[in-house]
Amino acid sequence: MRKFIQSLAFLMMPLLFPSMLAAETVRYVSDQLEITMRTGQGVQYSIRKMLRSGTEVVVVETDPTGYSKVRTSDGVEGWVLSRYLANQPVARDRLAEKAQTIATLELEIAGYKEELASLSAQHSDVDDQNLGLRETAQRLSKELDELRRTASNAIALDNENRQLKEKLQEMDYQIQAAQMEVNALRDSSAKSWFLIGAAVLFAGLLLGLIMPSLRVRKKSSWGSL
């Protein structure tokens, strides 16, 4: 009779307490070593499974008598005391989860540190490259200035050489003119000496012809005396 009343009450409760048909929610077995999952609401029902602390179950329905119908991850359903269910994993599991999270974060931080060290090394290399480029730029700038000065000197030397060549050419012209004048004077002098020589020769010949006749005349004049 008692079982009949409990069964009838169980069948009538969904009508009397609609909240029992609420949506399924996730719960966790609280910090107990093990709790019993029974086939019904009470210790008189047989045990279906022992649930260890931290086991995740899905609450199918909740009874005002303090029991909840749950379903495990492998599909086993049964009744457990609602007070042994918690809204979050047990402290041991949360601690393990936090430890795992910390370990993951530590790995990420280590990775970030390595990446930062690599970036710092790359930045140092870039700084060295920039320093080398600046030194190269300064050296090339000095060489460019030197080339400009050399080019300026070369242009000045070229102008000076051109002026010297013009002066040399002008002097060559003057030398050639002087040489021509000297040659002309030499020719004129040679002609003069030739004429003088010819005149002297002619005078000599003339004297040679005149002198005998003069001598004859003197003798004849002396004989008449």
N, C-alpha and C. Protein backbone atom coordinates (compact mmCIF):
# COMPACT_ATOMS: atom_id res chain seq x y z
N MET A 1 0.83 -1.21 0.00
CA MET A 1 0.00 0.00 0.00
C MET A 1 0.87 1.26 0.00
N ARG A 2 1.90 1.22 0.77
CA ARG A 2 2.79 2.40 0.84
C ARG A 2 3.45 2.63 -0.51
N LYS A 3 3.90 1.54 -1.13
CA LYS A 3 4.52 1.68 -2.45
C LYS A 3 3.53 2.21 -3.47
N PHE A 4 2.27 1.78 -3.34
CA PHE A 4 1.25 2.26 -4.28
C PHE A 4 1.05 3.76 -4.12
N ILE A 5 1.03 4.21 -2.85
CA ILE A 5 0.84 5.65 -2.61
C ILE A 5 2.03 6.44 -3.14
N GLN A 6 3.25 5.92 -2.94
CA GLN A 6 4.43 6.62 -3.45
C GLN A 6 4.42 6.68 -4.97
N SER A 7 4.00 5.58 -5.57
CA SER A 7 3.95 5.56 -7.04
C SER A 7 2.91 6.54 -7.55
N LEU A 8 1.72 6.58 -6.86
CA LEU A 8 0.68 7.51 -7.27
C LEU A 8 1.14 8.95 -7.09
N ALA A 9 1.82 9.20 -5.95
CA ALA A 9 2.33 10.55 -5.71
C ALA A 9 3.37 10.93 -6.76
N PHE A 10 4.16 9.94 -7.14
CA PHE A 10 5.19 10.21 -8.18
C PHE A 10 4.55 10.55 -9.50
N LEU A 11 3.41 9.85 -9.82
CA LEU A 11 2.73 10.14 -11.08
C LEU A 11 1.99 11.47 -11.03
N MET A 12 1.52 11.89 -9.84
CA MET A 12 0.76 13.13 -9.72
C MET A 12 1.67 14.36 -9.57
N MET A 13 2.89 14.17 -9.18
CA MET A 13 3.77 15.33 -8.92
C MET A 13 3.99 16.21 -10.15
N PRO A 14 4.14 15.68 -11.37
CA PRO A 14 4.29 16.57 -12.52
C PRO A 14 3.12 17.51 -12.70
N LEU A 15 1.88 17.03 -12.28
CA LEU A 15 0.71 17.89 -12.38
C LEU A 15 0.67 18.91 -11.25
N LEU A 16 1.10 18.47 -10.04
CA LEU A 16 1.05 19.36 -8.89
C LEU A 16 2.23 20.33 -8.87
N PHE A 17 3.38 19.88 -9.37
CA PHE A 17 4.58 20.72 -9.33
C PHE A 17 5.18 20.80 -10.74
N PRO A 18 4.68 21.72 -11.56
CA PRO A 18 5.18 21.84 -12.95
C PRO A 18 6.66 22.14 -13.01
N SER A 19 7.22 22.73 -11.92
CA SER A 19 8.64 23.07 -11.94
C SER A 19 9.50 21.84 -12.07
N MET A 20 8.94 20.67 -11.79
CA MET A 20 9.70 19.45 -11.91
C MET A 20 10.04 19.14 -13.37
N LEU A 21 9.32 19.75 -14.31
CA LEU A 21 9.56 19.53 -15.74
C LEU A 21 10.47 20.57 -16.32
N ALA A 22 11.28 21.18 -15.49
CA ALA A 22 12.17 22.24 -15.97
C ALA A 22 13.21 21.64 -16.91
N ALA A 23 13.89 22.49 -17.67
CA ALA A 23 14.92 22.06 -18.62
C ALA A 23 16.05 21.36 -17.90
N GLU A 24 16.70 20.43 -18.61
CA GLU A 24 17.79 19.69 -18.04
C GLU A 24 18.97 20.64 -17.77
N THR A 25 19.65 20.43 -16.65
CA THR A 25 20.81 21.24 -16.28
C THR A 25 21.95 20.33 -15.90
N VAL A 26 23.13 20.88 -15.94
CA VAL A 26 24.34 20.12 -15.61
C VAL A 26 24.67 20.35 -14.14
N ARG A 27 24.97 19.29 -13.43
CA ARG A 27 25.39 19.37 -12.04
C ARG A 27 26.60 18.47 -11.84
N TYR A 28 27.26 18.64 -10.69
CA TYR A 28 28.43 17.85 -10.36
C TYR A 28 28.23 17.24 -8.98
N VAL A 29 28.69 16.01 -8.83
CA VAL A 29 28.65 15.37 -7.53
C VAL A 29 29.61 16.12 -6.61
N SER A 30 29.11 16.48 -5.43
CA SER A 30 29.86 17.35 -4.52
C SER A 30 31.03 16.62 -3.89
N ASP A 31 31.68 17.34 -2.97
CA ASP A 31 32.90 16.82 -2.35
C ASP A 31 32.60 15.68 -1.38
N GLN A 32 32.07 14.59 -1.88
CA GLN A 32 31.90 13.35 -1.13
C GLN A 32 32.72 12.29 -1.85
N LEU A 33 33.14 11.30 -1.10
CA LEU A 33 33.93 10.27 -1.77
C LEU A 33 33.10 9.57 -2.84
N GLU A 34 31.94 9.12 -2.50
CA GLU A 34 31.03 8.47 -3.46
C GLU A 34 29.59 8.69 -2.98
N ILE A 35 28.68 8.76 -3.92
CA ILE A 35 27.25 8.78 -3.58
C ILE A 35 26.58 7.68 -4.38
N THR A 36 25.41 7.30 -3.89
CA THR A 36 24.69 6.19 -4.54
C THR A 36 23.66 6.72 -5.50
N MET A 37 23.59 6.10 -6.64
CA MET A 37 22.51 6.35 -7.60
C MET A 37 21.56 5.16 -7.52
N ARG A 38 20.31 5.45 -7.15
CA ARG A 38 19.34 4.38 -6.94
C ARG A 38 18.26 4.41 -8.01
N THR A 39 17.54 3.35 -8.06
CA THR A 39 16.46 3.24 -9.06
C THR A 39 15.25 4.06 -8.66
N GLY A 40 15.16 4.50 -7.44
CA GLY A 40 14.03 5.29 -6.98
C GLY A 40 14.45 6.27 -5.91
N GLN A 41 13.44 6.96 -5.37
CA GLN A 41 13.70 8.01 -4.39
C GLN A 41 13.64 7.43 -2.98
N GLY A 42 14.72 6.89 -2.54
CA GLY A 42 14.77 6.35 -1.19
C GLY A 42 15.79 5.25 -1.08
N VAL A 43 16.18 4.99 0.17
CA VAL A 43 17.21 3.98 0.37
C VAL A 43 16.67 2.57 0.14
N GLN A 44 15.32 2.47 0.06
CA GLN A 44 14.74 1.16 -0.16
C GLN A 44 14.92 0.67 -1.59
N TYR A 45 15.29 1.61 -2.48
CA TYR A 45 15.49 1.23 -3.88
C TYR A 45 16.92 0.73 -4.08
N SER A 46 17.06 -0.11 -5.06
CA SER A 46 18.37 -0.71 -5.31
C SER A 46 19.35 0.32 -5.90
N ILE A 47 20.60 0.05 -5.66
CA ILE A 47 21.66 0.93 -6.16
C ILE A 47 21.98 0.57 -7.61
N ARG A 48 21.95 1.56 -8.46
CA ARG A 48 22.29 1.34 -9.86
C ARG A 48 23.77 1.58 -10.13
N LYS A 49 24.34 2.60 -9.43
CA LYS A 49 25.73 2.93 -9.70
C LYS A 49 26.26 3.77 -8.57
N MET A 50 27.55 3.68 -8.32
CA MET A 50 28.21 4.56 -7.36
C MET A 50 28.89 5.68 -8.14
N LEU A 51 28.62 6.92 -7.73
CA LEU A 51 29.19 8.09 -8.43
C LEU A 51 30.28 8.70 -7.57
N ARG A 52 31.47 8.80 -8.16
CA ARG A 52 32.60 9.38 -7.43
C ARG A 52 32.48 10.90 -7.42
N SER A 53 33.17 11.50 -6.47
CA SER A 53 33.17 12.95 -6.33
C SER A 53 33.71 13.59 -7.61
N GLY A 54 33.01 14.61 -8.09
CA GLY A 54 33.41 15.33 -9.29
C GLY A 54 32.80 14.79 -10.56
N THR A 55 31.99 13.69 -10.46
CA THR A 55 31.38 13.13 -11.66
C THR A 55 30.35 14.10 -12.22
N GLU A 56 30.40 14.32 -13.52
CA GLU A 56 29.44 15.23 -14.17
C GLU A 56 28.19 14.44 -14.55
N VAL A 57 27.04 15.00 -14.16
CA VAL A 57 25.76 14.37 -14.49
C VAL A 57 24.82 15.43 -15.02
N VAL A 58 23.79 14.98 -15.72
CA VAL A 58 22.74 15.86 -16.23
C VAL A 58 21.48 15.64 -15.41
N VAL A 59 20.96 16.71 -14.83
CA VAL A 59 19.73 16.61 -14.03
C VAL A 59 18.53 16.55 -14.97
N VAL A 60 17.84 15.44 -14.94
CA VAL A 60 16.65 15.27 -15.79
C VAL A 60 15.44 15.91 -15.14
N GLU A 61 15.26 15.69 -13.84
CA GLU A 61 14.16 16.32 -13.09
C GLU A 61 14.52 16.36 -11.61
N THR A 62 13.84 17.23 -10.90
CA THR A 62 14.09 17.41 -9.47
C THR A 62 12.78 17.17 -8.70
N ASP A 63 12.89 16.43 -7.62
CA ASP A 63 11.71 16.10 -6.81
C ASP A 63 11.77 16.89 -5.49
N PRO A 64 10.64 17.44 -5.02
CA PRO A 64 10.63 18.18 -3.75
C PRO A 64 11.05 17.35 -2.55
N THR A 65 11.05 16.05 -2.69
CA THR A 65 11.43 15.19 -1.57
C THR A 65 12.92 15.23 -1.30
N GLY A 66 13.69 15.95 -2.18
CA GLY A 66 15.13 16.05 -1.97
C GLY A 66 15.95 15.16 -2.86
N TYR A 67 15.27 14.55 -3.83
CA TYR A 67 15.97 13.70 -4.79
C TYR A 67 15.94 14.35 -6.18
N SER A 68 16.96 14.01 -6.97
CA SER A 68 17.01 14.46 -8.36
C SER A 68 17.31 13.27 -9.24
N LYS A 69 16.62 13.23 -10.37
CA LYS A 69 16.90 12.19 -11.35
C LYS A 69 18.01 12.69 -12.27
N VAL A 70 19.07 11.90 -12.37
CA VAL A 70 20.24 12.35 -13.15
C VAL A 70 20.59 11.29 -14.18
N ARG A 71 21.41 11.76 -15.17
CA ARG A 71 21.89 10.84 -16.21
C ARG A 71 23.39 11.06 -16.36
N THR A 72 24.14 9.98 -16.33
CA THR A 72 25.60 10.07 -16.44
C THR A 72 26.00 10.20 -17.92
N SER A 73 27.28 10.40 -18.13
CA SER A 73 27.77 10.57 -19.50
C SER A 73 27.65 9.29 -20.31
N ASP A 74 27.57 8.12 -19.63
CA ASP A 74 27.42 6.86 -20.36
C ASP A 74 25.96 6.43 -20.46
N GLY A 75 25.02 7.35 -20.12
CA GLY A 75 23.59 7.11 -20.35
C GLY A 75 22.84 6.42 -19.23
N VAL A 76 23.48 6.19 -18.09
CA VAL A 76 22.82 5.54 -16.96
C VAL A 76 22.01 6.59 -16.20
N GLU A 77 20.72 6.28 -15.92
CA GLU A 77 19.85 7.20 -15.20
C GLU A 77 19.49 6.61 -13.84
N GLY A 78 19.32 7.52 -12.86
CA GLY A 78 18.92 7.09 -11.53
C GLY A 78 18.70 8.30 -10.64
N TRP A 79 18.36 8.00 -9.38
CA TRP A 79 18.03 9.06 -8.43
C TRP A 79 19.15 9.20 -7.41
N VAL A 80 19.48 10.50 -7.13
CA VAL A 80 20.48 10.81 -6.10
C VAL A 80 19.93 11.92 -5.23
N LEU A 81 20.50 12.06 -4.04
CA LEU A 81 20.10 13.15 -3.16
C LEU A 81 20.56 14.50 -3.76
N SER A 82 19.63 15.44 -3.84
CA SER A 82 19.92 16.73 -4.47
C SER A 82 21.01 17.49 -3.73
N ARG A 83 21.11 17.29 -2.41
CA ARG A 83 22.10 18.07 -1.66
C ARG A 83 23.53 17.67 -1.99
N TYR A 84 23.69 16.52 -2.64
CA TYR A 84 25.02 16.10 -3.04
C TYR A 84 25.43 16.62 -4.43
N LEU A 85 24.56 17.41 -5.02
CA LEU A 85 24.86 17.97 -6.34
C LEU A 85 25.26 19.43 -6.19
N ALA A 86 26.28 19.82 -6.95
CA ALA A 86 26.78 21.21 -6.90
C ALA A 86 26.70 21.82 -8.30
N ASN A 87 26.65 23.15 -8.30
CA ASN A 87 26.53 23.85 -9.58
C ASN A 87 27.86 23.95 -10.34
N GLN A 88 28.94 23.60 -9.71
CA GLN A 88 30.25 23.69 -10.34
C GLN A 88 31.08 22.49 -9.90
N PRO A 89 32.16 22.21 -10.64
CA PRO A 89 32.98 21.07 -10.26
C PRO A 89 33.53 21.23 -8.84
N VAL A 90 33.94 20.13 -8.24
CA VAL A 90 34.46 20.16 -6.89
C VAL A 90 35.78 20.91 -6.87
N ALA A 91 36.17 21.30 -5.66
CA ALA A 91 37.39 22.10 -5.50
C ALA A 91 38.60 21.39 -6.07
N ARG A 92 38.67 20.05 -5.90
CA ARG A 92 39.82 19.31 -6.42
C ARG A 92 39.91 19.44 -7.93
N ASP A 93 38.76 19.27 -8.59
CA ASP A 93 38.76 19.38 -10.05
C ASP A 93 39.01 20.81 -10.50
N ARG A 94 38.42 21.78 -9.75
CA ARG A 94 38.66 23.18 -10.11
C ARG A 94 40.12 23.53 -9.95
N LEU A 95 40.72 22.98 -8.85
CA LEU A 95 42.14 23.23 -8.63
C LEU A 95 42.98 22.63 -9.76
N ALA A 96 42.62 21.40 -10.14
CA ALA A 96 43.35 20.77 -11.24
C ALA A 96 43.17 21.56 -12.53
N GLU A 97 41.93 22.06 -12.73
CA GLU A 97 41.68 22.86 -13.94
C GLU A 97 42.48 24.15 -13.89
N LYS A 98 42.49 24.79 -12.71
CA LYS A 98 43.27 26.02 -12.57
C LYS A 98 44.76 25.74 -12.79
N ALA A 99 45.23 24.62 -12.24
CA ALA A 99 46.63 24.27 -12.41
C ALA A 99 46.94 24.05 -13.89
N GLN A 100 46.01 23.39 -14.60
CA GLN A 100 46.21 23.19 -16.03
C GLN A 100 46.20 24.53 -16.77
N THR A 101 45.28 25.40 -16.35
CA THR A 101 45.22 26.73 -16.97
C THR A 101 46.51 27.50 -16.73
N ILE A 102 47.01 27.41 -15.46
CA ILE A 102 48.26 28.09 -15.13
C ILE A 102 49.41 27.53 -15.95
N ALA A 103 49.44 26.19 -16.08
CA ALA A 103 50.51 25.58 -16.87
C ALA A 103 50.44 26.03 -18.33
N THR A 104 49.20 26.10 -18.85
CA THR A 104 49.04 26.56 -20.24
C THR A 104 49.49 28.00 -20.39
N LEU A 105 49.08 28.83 -19.39
CA LEU A 105 49.50 30.23 -19.45
C LEU A 105 51.01 30.38 -19.32
N GLU A 106 51.61 29.55 -18.46
CA GLU A 106 53.07 29.60 -18.33
C GLU A 106 53.75 29.24 -19.64
N LEU A 107 53.18 28.23 -20.33
CA LEU A 107 53.74 27.87 -21.64
C LEU A 107 53.59 29.02 -22.62
N GLU A 108 52.41 29.66 -22.60
CA GLU A 108 52.20 30.79 -23.50
C GLU A 108 53.16 31.94 -23.17
N ILE A 109 53.33 32.20 -21.84
CA ILE A 109 54.24 33.26 -21.43
C ILE A 109 55.67 32.93 -21.87
N ALA A 110 56.06 31.65 -21.70
CA ALA A 110 57.40 31.25 -22.14
C ALA A 110 57.56 31.47 -23.64
N GLY A 111 56.49 31.12 -24.39
CA GLY A 111 56.53 31.35 -25.83
C GLY A 111 56.64 32.82 -26.17
N TYR A 112 55.87 33.65 -25.42
CA TYR A 112 55.94 35.09 -25.66
C TYR A 112 57.33 35.63 -25.31
N LYS A 113 57.92 35.09 -24.22
CA LYS A 113 59.26 35.53 -23.85
C LYS A 113 60.27 35.18 -24.93
N GLU A 114 60.14 33.95 -25.47
CA GLU A 114 61.05 33.56 -26.55
C GLU A 114 60.84 34.44 -27.77
N GLU A 115 59.57 34.72 -28.08
CA GLU A 115 59.30 35.58 -29.23
C GLU A 115 59.84 36.99 -29.00
N LEU A 116 59.68 37.46 -27.74
CA LEU A 116 60.21 38.78 -27.41
C LEU A 116 61.73 38.81 -27.52
N ALA A 117 62.37 37.74 -27.02
CA ALA A 117 63.83 37.67 -27.13
C ALA A 117 64.27 37.64 -28.59
N SER A 118 63.50 36.87 -29.41
CA SER A 118 63.83 36.82 -30.84
C SER A 118 63.65 38.19 -31.49
N LEU A 119 62.55 38.86 -31.12
CA LEU A 119 62.31 40.19 -31.68
C LEU A 119 63.38 41.17 -31.23
N SER A 120 63.80 41.04 -29.95
CA SER A 120 64.86 41.91 -29.45
C SER A 120 66.16 41.67 -30.21
N ALA A 121 66.46 40.37 -30.45
CA ALA A 121 67.67 40.05 -31.22
C ALA A 121 67.58 40.60 -32.63
N GLN A 122 66.37 40.44 -33.24
CA GLN A 122 66.18 40.99 -34.59
C GLN A 122 66.31 42.50 -34.57
N HIS A 123 65.76 43.11 -33.51
CA HIS A 123 65.86 44.58 -33.41
C HIS A 123 67.32 45.00 -33.26
N SER A 124 68.08 44.20 -32.48
CA SER A 124 69.50 44.49 -32.33
C SER A 124 70.22 44.35 -33.67
N ASP A 125 69.86 43.28 -34.40
CA ASP A 125 70.47 43.09 -35.72
C ASP A 125 70.11 44.24 -36.65
N VAL A 126 68.84 44.68 -36.58
CA VAL A 126 68.42 45.80 -37.42
C VAL A 126 69.18 47.07 -37.04
N ASP A 127 69.37 47.26 -35.71
CA ASP A 127 70.14 48.43 -35.27
C ASP A 127 71.57 48.36 -35.80
N ASP A 128 72.18 47.15 -35.73
CA ASP A 128 73.53 47.00 -36.26
C ASP A 128 73.56 47.26 -37.76
N GLN A 129 72.55 46.76 -38.46
CA GLN A 129 72.48 47.00 -39.90
C GLN A 129 72.31 48.49 -40.19
N ASN A 130 71.45 49.13 -39.41
CA ASN A 130 71.25 50.57 -39.61
C ASN A 130 72.54 51.34 -39.34
N LEU A 131 73.27 50.92 -38.27
CA LEU A 131 74.54 51.57 -37.97
C LEU A 131 75.53 51.36 -39.11
N GLY A 132 75.58 50.13 -39.62
CA GLY A 132 76.46 49.86 -40.75
C GLY A 132 76.07 50.66 -41.98
N LEU A 133 74.76 50.76 -42.22
CA LEU A 133 74.30 51.55 -43.37
C LEU A 133 74.62 53.02 -43.20
N ARG A 134 74.47 53.52 -41.96
CA ARG A 134 74.81 54.93 -41.73
C ARG A 134 76.30 55.18 -41.95
N GLU A 135 77.13 54.24 -41.45
CA GLU A 135 78.57 54.39 -41.67
C GLU A 135 78.91 54.32 -43.16
N THR A 136 78.26 53.40 -43.86
CA THR A 136 78.48 53.30 -45.31
C THR A 136 78.03 54.57 -46.01
N ALA A 137 76.89 55.11 -45.59
CA ALA A 137 76.38 56.35 -46.20
C ALA A 137 77.35 57.51 -45.95
N GLN A 138 77.90 57.59 -44.73
CA GLN A 138 78.87 58.64 -44.43
C GLN A 138 80.14 58.47 -45.28
N ARG A 139 80.59 57.23 -45.40
CA ARG A 139 81.79 56.98 -46.20
C ARG A 139 81.55 57.35 -47.66
N LEU A 140 80.40 56.94 -48.20
CA LEU A 140 80.08 57.27 -49.58
C LEU A 140 79.93 58.78 -49.77
N SER A 141 79.37 59.44 -48.75
CA SER A 141 79.23 60.90 -48.84
C SER A 141 80.60 61.57 -48.91
N LYS A 142 81.54 61.08 -48.08
CA LYS A 142 82.89 61.62 -48.11
C LYS A 142 83.54 61.36 -49.47
N GLU A 143 83.36 60.13 -49.97
CA GLU A 143 83.93 59.81 -51.27
C GLU A 143 83.32 60.68 -52.37
N LEU A 144 82.02 60.95 -52.26
CA LEU A 144 81.36 61.81 -53.24
C LEU A 144 81.92 63.22 -53.17
N ASP A 145 82.10 63.73 -51.95
CA ASP A 145 82.70 65.07 -51.81
C ASP A 145 84.10 65.10 -52.41
N GLU A 146 84.87 64.04 -52.14
CA GLU A 146 86.22 63.98 -52.69
C GLU A 146 86.19 63.93 -54.21
N LEU A 147 85.24 63.14 -54.74
CA LEU A 147 85.11 63.07 -56.20
C LEU A 147 84.70 64.42 -56.77
N ARG A 148 83.83 65.11 -56.05
CA ARG A 148 83.43 66.43 -56.52
C ARG A 148 84.62 67.38 -56.53
N ARG A 149 85.43 67.35 -55.43
CA ARG A 149 86.61 68.21 -55.39
C ARG A 149 87.59 67.82 -56.49
N THR A 150 87.77 66.51 -56.67
CA THR A 150 88.67 66.05 -57.72
C THR A 150 88.16 66.48 -59.10
N ALA A 151 86.85 66.35 -59.30
CA ALA A 151 86.26 66.76 -60.57
C ALA A 151 86.43 68.25 -60.77
N SER A 152 86.25 69.02 -59.70
CA SER A 152 86.44 70.47 -59.79
C SER A 152 87.89 70.80 -60.13
N ASN A 153 88.82 70.10 -59.46
CA ASN A 153 90.23 70.31 -59.76
C ASN A 153 90.55 69.87 -61.18
N ALA A 154 89.93 68.78 -61.60
CA ALA A 154 90.17 68.30 -62.96
C ALA A 154 89.68 69.31 -63.98
N ILE A 155 88.50 69.90 -63.70
CA ILE A 155 87.98 70.92 -64.61
C ILE A 155 88.91 72.12 -64.64
N ALA A 156 89.40 72.53 -63.44
CA ALA A 156 90.34 73.66 -63.38
C ALA A 156 91.62 73.33 -64.13
N LEU A 157 92.14 72.11 -63.93
CA LEU A 157 93.34 71.70 -64.63
C LEU A 157 93.12 71.64 -66.14
N ASP A 158 91.94 71.15 -66.51
CA ASP A 158 91.63 71.09 -67.94
C ASP A 158 91.59 72.49 -68.54
N ASN A 159 90.98 73.43 -67.82
CA ASN A 159 90.96 74.81 -68.30
C ASN A 159 92.37 75.38 -68.38
N GLU A 160 93.16 75.09 -67.33
CA GLU A 160 94.53 75.59 -67.33
C GLU A 160 95.34 74.98 -68.47
N ASN A 161 95.15 73.68 -68.68
CA ASN A 161 95.85 73.02 -69.78
C ASN A 161 95.43 73.58 -71.13
N ARG A 162 94.14 73.84 -71.26
CA ARG A 162 93.66 74.42 -72.51
C ARG A 162 94.27 75.80 -72.74
N GLN A 163 94.33 76.60 -71.67
CA GLN A 163 94.95 77.92 -71.80
C GLN A 163 96.42 77.81 -72.14
N LEU A 164 97.14 76.86 -71.49
CA LEU A 164 98.55 76.67 -71.79
C LEU A 164 98.75 76.22 -73.23
N LYS A 165 97.86 75.31 -73.68
CA LYS A 165 97.96 74.87 -75.07
C LYS A 165 97.75 76.03 -76.03
N GLU A 166 96.78 76.90 -75.71
CA GLU A 166 96.55 78.06 -76.55
C GLU A 166 97.79 78.97 -76.56
N LYS A 167 98.39 79.16 -75.37
CA LYS A 167 99.60 79.98 -75.30
C LYS A 167 100.74 79.33 -76.08
N LEU A 168 100.89 78.02 -75.93
CA LEU A 168 101.94 77.33 -76.66
C LEU A 168 101.73 77.43 -78.17
N GLN A 169 100.45 77.28 -78.56
CA GLN A 169 100.16 77.40 -79.98
C GLN A 169 100.49 78.81 -80.48
N GLU A 170 100.13 79.80 -79.66
CA GLU A 170 100.44 81.18 -80.05
C GLU A 170 101.95 81.38 -80.11
N MET A 171 102.68 80.82 -79.16
CA MET A 171 104.13 80.93 -79.19
C MET A 171 104.70 80.21 -80.40
N ASP A 172 104.10 79.06 -80.75
CA ASP A 172 104.55 78.37 -81.96
C ASP A 172 104.39 79.25 -83.19
N TYR A 173 103.22 79.91 -83.24
CA TYR A 173 102.99 80.82 -84.36
C TYR A 173 104.05 81.93 -84.38
N GLN A 174 104.32 82.49 -83.17
CA GLN A 174 105.32 83.54 -83.10
C GLN A 174 106.70 83.03 -83.49
N ILE A 175 107.04 81.83 -83.03
CA ILE A 175 108.34 81.25 -83.38
C ILE A 175 108.44 81.02 -84.89
N GLN A 176 107.34 80.47 -85.45
CA GLN A 176 107.35 80.26 -86.90
C GLN A 176 107.51 81.57 -87.65
N ALA A 177 106.80 82.64 -87.17
CA ALA A 177 106.93 83.94 -87.83
C ALA A 177 108.35 84.47 -87.69
N ALA A 178 108.93 84.33 -86.47
CA ALA A 178 110.31 84.78 -86.27
C ALA A 178 111.28 83.99 -87.13
N GLN A 179 111.04 82.67 -87.23
CA GLN A 179 111.90 81.84 -88.05
C GLN A 179 111.84 82.27 -89.51
N MET A 180 110.61 82.56 -89.95
CA MET A 180 110.46 83.02 -91.33
C MET A 180 111.18 84.35 -91.52
N GLU A 181 111.06 85.22 -90.53
CA GLU A 181 111.74 86.52 -90.62
C GLU A 181 113.24 86.34 -90.63
N VAL A 182 113.74 85.44 -89.78
CA VAL A 182 115.18 85.16 -89.74
C VAL A 182 115.64 84.61 -91.09
N ASN A 183 114.86 83.69 -91.63
CA ASN A 183 115.22 83.13 -92.93
C ASN A 183 115.24 84.21 -94.00
N ALA A 184 114.20 85.10 -93.91
CA ALA A 184 114.17 86.19 -94.89
C ALA A 184 115.38 87.09 -94.73
N LEU A 185 115.75 87.40 -93.48
CA LEU A 185 116.92 88.22 -93.24
C LEU A 185 118.18 87.52 -93.73
N ARG A 186 118.24 86.21 -93.47
CA ARG A 186 119.40 85.46 -93.93
C ARG A 186 119.51 85.54 -95.46
N ASP A 187 118.34 85.38 -96.12
CA ASP A 187 118.37 85.47 -97.59
C ASP A 187 118.79 86.86 -98.05
N SER A 188 118.25 87.88 -97.38
CA SER A 188 118.60 89.27 -97.75
C SER A 188 120.08 89.54 -97.50
N SER A 189 120.60 89.04 -96.34
CA SER A 189 122.00 89.25 -96.03
C SER A 189 122.89 88.53 -97.03
N ALA A 190 122.47 87.32 -97.38
CA ALA A 190 123.27 86.58 -98.36
C ALA A 190 123.30 87.30 -99.70
N LYS A 191 122.16 87.85 -100.10
CA LYS A 191 122.11 88.60 -101.36
C LYS A 191 122.99 89.84 -101.28
N SER A 192 122.95 90.51 -100.13
CA SER A 192 123.77 91.71 -99.96
C SER A 192 125.25 91.37 -100.07
N TRP A 193 125.67 90.36 -99.37
CA TRP A 193 127.07 89.95 -99.45
C TRP A 193 127.43 89.50 -100.85
N PHE A 194 126.47 88.86 -101.49
CA PHE A 194 126.76 88.47 -102.88
C PHE A 194 126.96 89.70 -103.76
N LEU A 195 126.09 90.68 -103.60
CA LEU A 195 126.22 91.90 -104.38
C LEU A 195 127.52 92.65 -104.05
N ILE A 196 127.82 92.69 -102.74
CA ILE A 196 129.07 93.35 -102.33
C ILE A 196 130.27 92.64 -102.94
N GLY A 197 130.22 91.32 -102.85
CA GLY A 197 131.33 90.56 -103.43
C GLY A 197 131.46 90.77 -104.93
N ALA A 198 130.27 90.78 -105.56
CA ALA A 198 130.29 91.01 -107.01
C ALA A 198 130.83 92.40 -107.34
N ALA A 199 130.41 93.38 -106.52
CA ALA A 199 130.89 94.74 -106.76
C ALA A 199 132.39 94.83 -106.54
N VAL A 200 132.87 94.19 -105.48
CA VAL A 200 134.31 94.20 -105.22
C VAL A 200 135.06 93.53 -106.35
N LEU A 201 134.52 92.40 -106.80
CA LEU A 201 135.16 91.70 -107.90
C LEU A 201 135.17 92.54 -109.16
N PHE A 202 134.05 93.17 -109.42
CA PHE A 202 133.97 94.03 -110.60
C PHE A 202 134.94 95.21 -110.49
N ALA A 203 134.98 95.76 -109.27
CA ALA A 203 135.91 96.88 -109.06
C ALA A 203 137.36 96.42 -109.24
N GLY A 204 137.62 95.23 -108.74
CA GLY A 204 138.98 94.68 -108.91
C GLY A 204 139.33 94.48 -110.36
N LEU A 205 138.37 93.91 -111.10
CA LEU A 205 138.61 93.70 -112.53
C LEU A 205 138.79 95.03 -113.24
N LEU A 206 137.95 95.96 -112.84
CA LEU A 206 138.05 97.28 -113.48
C LEU A 206 139.39 97.94 -113.19
N LEU A 207 139.84 97.85 -111.99
CA LEU A 207 141.14 98.39 -111.63
C LEU A 207 142.26 97.66 -112.37
N GLY A 208 142.05 96.36 -112.50
CA GLY A 208 143.06 95.57 -113.21
C GLY A 208 143.18 96.00 -114.66
N LEU A 209 142.06 96.42 -115.24
CA LEU A 209 142.09 96.88 -116.61
C LEU A 209 142.61 98.29 -116.73
N ILE A 210 142.32 99.12 -115.77
CA ILE A 210 142.68 100.52 -115.85
C ILE A 210 144.15 100.74 -115.48
N MET A 211 144.64 100.02 -114.51
CA MET A 211 145.99 100.25 -114.03
C MET A 211 147.06 100.15 -115.11
N PRO A 212 147.05 99.19 -116.07
CA PRO A 212 148.09 99.14 -117.10
C PRO A 212 148.07 100.38 -118.00
N SER A 213 146.90 100.82 -118.33
CA SER A 213 146.83 101.99 -119.21
C SER A 213 147.38 103.23 -118.50
N LEU A 214 147.15 103.30 -117.22
CA LEU A 214 147.65 104.44 -116.46
C LEU A 214 149.17 104.41 -116.41
N ARG A 215 149.71 103.21 -116.24
CA ARG A 215 151.16 103.08 -116.19
C ARG A 215 151.79 103.50 -117.53
N VAL A 216 151.16 103.12 -118.64
CA VAL A 216 151.68 103.47 -119.97
C VAL A 216 151.66 104.96 -120.16
N ARG A 217 150.63 105.55 -119.74
CA ARG A 217 150.52 107.02 -119.91
C ARG A 217 151.60 107.74 -119.09
N LYS A 218 151.83 107.25 -117.91
CA LYS A 218 152.86 107.92 -117.07
C LYS A 218 154.23 107.80 -117.70
N LYS A 219 154.54 106.65 -118.27
CA LYS A 219 155.83 106.50 -118.92
C LYS A 219 155.97 107.37 -120.12
N SER A 220 154.91 107.53 -120.88
CA SER A 220 154.98 108.36 -122.07
C SER A 220 155.12 109.83 -121.72
N SER A 221 154.50 110.19 -120.65
CA SER A 221 154.60 111.57 -120.23
C SER A 221 155.95 111.88 -119.71
N TRP A 222 156.55 110.93 -119.04
CA TRP A 222 157.89 111.13 -118.54
C TRP A 222 158.94 111.16 -119.68
N GLY A 223 158.69 110.43 -120.75
CA GLY A 223 159.63 110.42 -121.89
C GLY A 223 159.60 111.71 -122.64
N SER A 224 158.49 112.37 -122.72
CA SER A 224 158.40 113.65 -123.41
C SER A 224 159.11 114.72 -122.68
N LEU A 225 159.32 114.59 -121.42
CA LEU A 225 160.07 115.57 -120.67
C LEU A 225 161.56 115.38 -120.91
